[in-house]
Amino acid sequence: QYDLIILDPPSFTKTRGRLQEALRGYRELHVRAFKLLSRDGVLATFSCSHHVTENSFAQMITNALTDARRSVRRLHRLEQPLDHPVLPTLPETEYLRGVLLEMMPAR
């Protein structure tokens, strides 16, 4: 069991056509991480693919929590820093996202 796990994998997809496959990979990675966290452990997790939206990333985490039979609370939502500017006219520039999660006792 670990008190802190950081998941910062490389992009699982470069194309929209492989998005579902990428989300399955992210989900499996998160299930394994959730099972390795201590009861009050913290997970810092990130995605660097603009094809993985904030909503799909959050849904993947929810699905992984269900699979792992764990509960969390979100401590902080993480966005890309200023040296990675998001240009409204180029949606693909918004590609870094992350979340800091704290495990909670199962309900």
Protein backbone atom coordinates (compact mmCIF):
# COMPACT_ATOMS: atom_id res chain seq x y z
CA GLN A 1 0.00 0.00 0.00
CA TYR A 2 1.18 3.50 -0.87
CA ASP A 3 0.29 6.90 0.59
CA LEU A 4 0.95 8.75 -2.68
CA ILE A 5 0.83 7.64 -6.31
CA ILE A 6 1.50 9.93 -9.26
CA LEU A 7 0.15 8.84 -12.65
CA ASP A 8 1.62 10.89 -15.48
CA PRO A 9 1.61 8.52 -18.45
CA PRO A 10 2.49 9.48 -22.01
CA SER A 11 -0.42 10.27 -24.30
CA PHE A 12 -2.42 7.08 -24.85
CA THR A 13 -3.76 8.34 -28.18
CA LYS A 14 -2.78 10.74 -30.92
CA THR A 15 -6.03 10.26 -32.87
CA ARG A 16 -9.73 10.50 -32.03
CA GLY A 17 -10.28 7.09 -33.63
CA ARG A 18 -8.33 5.38 -30.84
CA LEU A 19 -9.96 7.32 -27.99
CA GLN A 20 -12.00 4.42 -26.59
CA GLU A 21 -8.93 2.19 -26.58
CA ALA A 22 -6.99 4.93 -24.77
CA LEU A 23 -9.73 5.38 -22.17
CA ARG A 24 -9.70 1.62 -21.50
CA GLY A 25 -5.94 1.85 -20.93
CA TYR A 26 -6.30 4.83 -18.59
CA ARG A 27 -9.08 3.02 -16.74
CA GLU A 28 -7.00 -0.12 -16.16
CA LEU A 29 -4.06 1.98 -14.97
CA HIS A 30 -6.31 3.83 -12.52
CA VAL A 31 -7.97 0.66 -11.21
CA ARG A 32 -4.52 -0.70 -10.36
CA ALA A 33 -3.47 2.57 -8.72
CA PHE A 34 -6.65 2.80 -6.63
CA LYS A 35 -6.10 -0.75 -5.37
CA LEU A 36 -2.53 0.13 -4.33
CA LEU A 37 -3.44 3.28 -2.39
CA SER A 38 -3.70 3.22 1.39
CA ARG A 39 -7.05 4.07 3.01
CA ASP A 40 -6.18 7.76 3.15
CA GLY A 41 -3.74 7.80 0.23
CA VAL A 42 -3.55 10.49 -2.42
CA LEU A 43 -3.52 10.05 -6.19
CA ALA A 44 -2.23 12.76 -8.52
CA THR A 45 -3.29 11.81 -12.03
CA PHE A 46 -2.76 13.50 -15.37
CA SER A 47 -3.64 13.23 -19.05
CA CYS A 48 -1.76 14.94 -21.88
CA SER A 49 -4.04 14.15 -24.83
CA HIS A 50 -6.41 16.81 -26.17
CA HIS A 51 -8.68 13.97 -27.34
CA VAL A 52 -9.31 13.07 -23.68
CA THR A 53 -11.67 15.82 -22.56
CA GLU A 54 -12.16 16.89 -18.97
CA ASN A 55 -15.54 15.10 -18.96
CA SER A 56 -14.21 11.85 -20.44
CA PHE A 57 -11.26 11.92 -18.01
CA ALA A 58 -13.64 12.39 -15.05
CA GLN A 59 -15.95 9.61 -16.30
CA MET A 60 -12.99 7.27 -16.73
CA ILE A 61 -11.93 7.96 -13.13
CA THR A 62 -15.49 7.28 -11.92
CA ASN A 63 -15.58 3.99 -13.83
CA ALA A 64 -12.19 2.96 -12.44
CA LEU A 65 -13.35 3.76 -8.90
CA THR A 66 -16.40 1.56 -9.41
CA ASP A 67 -14.22 -1.27 -10.71
CA ALA A 68 -11.78 -0.89 -7.79
CA ARG A 69 -14.63 -0.51 -5.26
CA ARG A 70 -13.07 2.64 -3.84
CA SER A 71 -14.28 6.15 -3.01
CA VAL A 72 -12.42 9.45 -3.28
CA ARG A 73 -12.86 13.14 -2.78
CA ARG A 74 -11.35 15.62 -5.18
CA LEU A 75 -8.81 17.86 -3.50
CA HIS A 76 -7.85 19.95 -6.51
CA ARG A 77 -8.32 20.18 -10.27
CA LEU A 78 -5.05 20.80 -12.09
CA GLU A 79 -4.71 22.70 -15.36
CA GLN A 80 -1.82 23.37 -17.67
CA PRO A 81 0.56 26.11 -16.52
CA LEU A 82 1.02 29.47 -18.18
CA ASP A 83 4.00 28.24 -20.20
CA HIS A 84 1.52 25.97 -22.06
CA PRO A 85 -0.97 28.61 -23.27
CA VAL A 86 -4.46 27.63 -24.36
CA LEU A 87 -5.50 29.36 -27.57
CA PRO A 88 -9.30 29.56 -27.95
CA THR A 89 -8.99 29.27 -31.74
CA LEU A 90 -6.90 26.06 -31.44
CA PRO A 91 -8.73 23.62 -29.14
CA GLU A 92 -5.87 21.11 -29.38
CA THR A 93 -3.70 23.49 -27.31
CA GLU A 94 -5.78 22.53 -24.25
CA TYR A 95 -4.33 19.10 -23.63
CA LEU A 96 -2.90 18.97 -20.11
CA ARG A 97 -5.29 18.15 -17.30
CA GLY A 98 -5.06 16.53 -13.94
CA VAL A 99 -6.72 15.97 -10.63
CA LEU A 100 -5.60 15.38 -7.06
CA LEU A 101 -7.74 12.77 -5.30
CA GLU A 102 -7.82 11.57 -1.70
CA MET A 103 -9.08 8.09 -0.86
CA MET A 104 -12.06 7.78 1.46
CA PRO A 105 -13.36 4.81 3.40
CA ALA A 106 -15.73 2.66 1.33
CA ARG A 107 -19.40 3.42 1.91
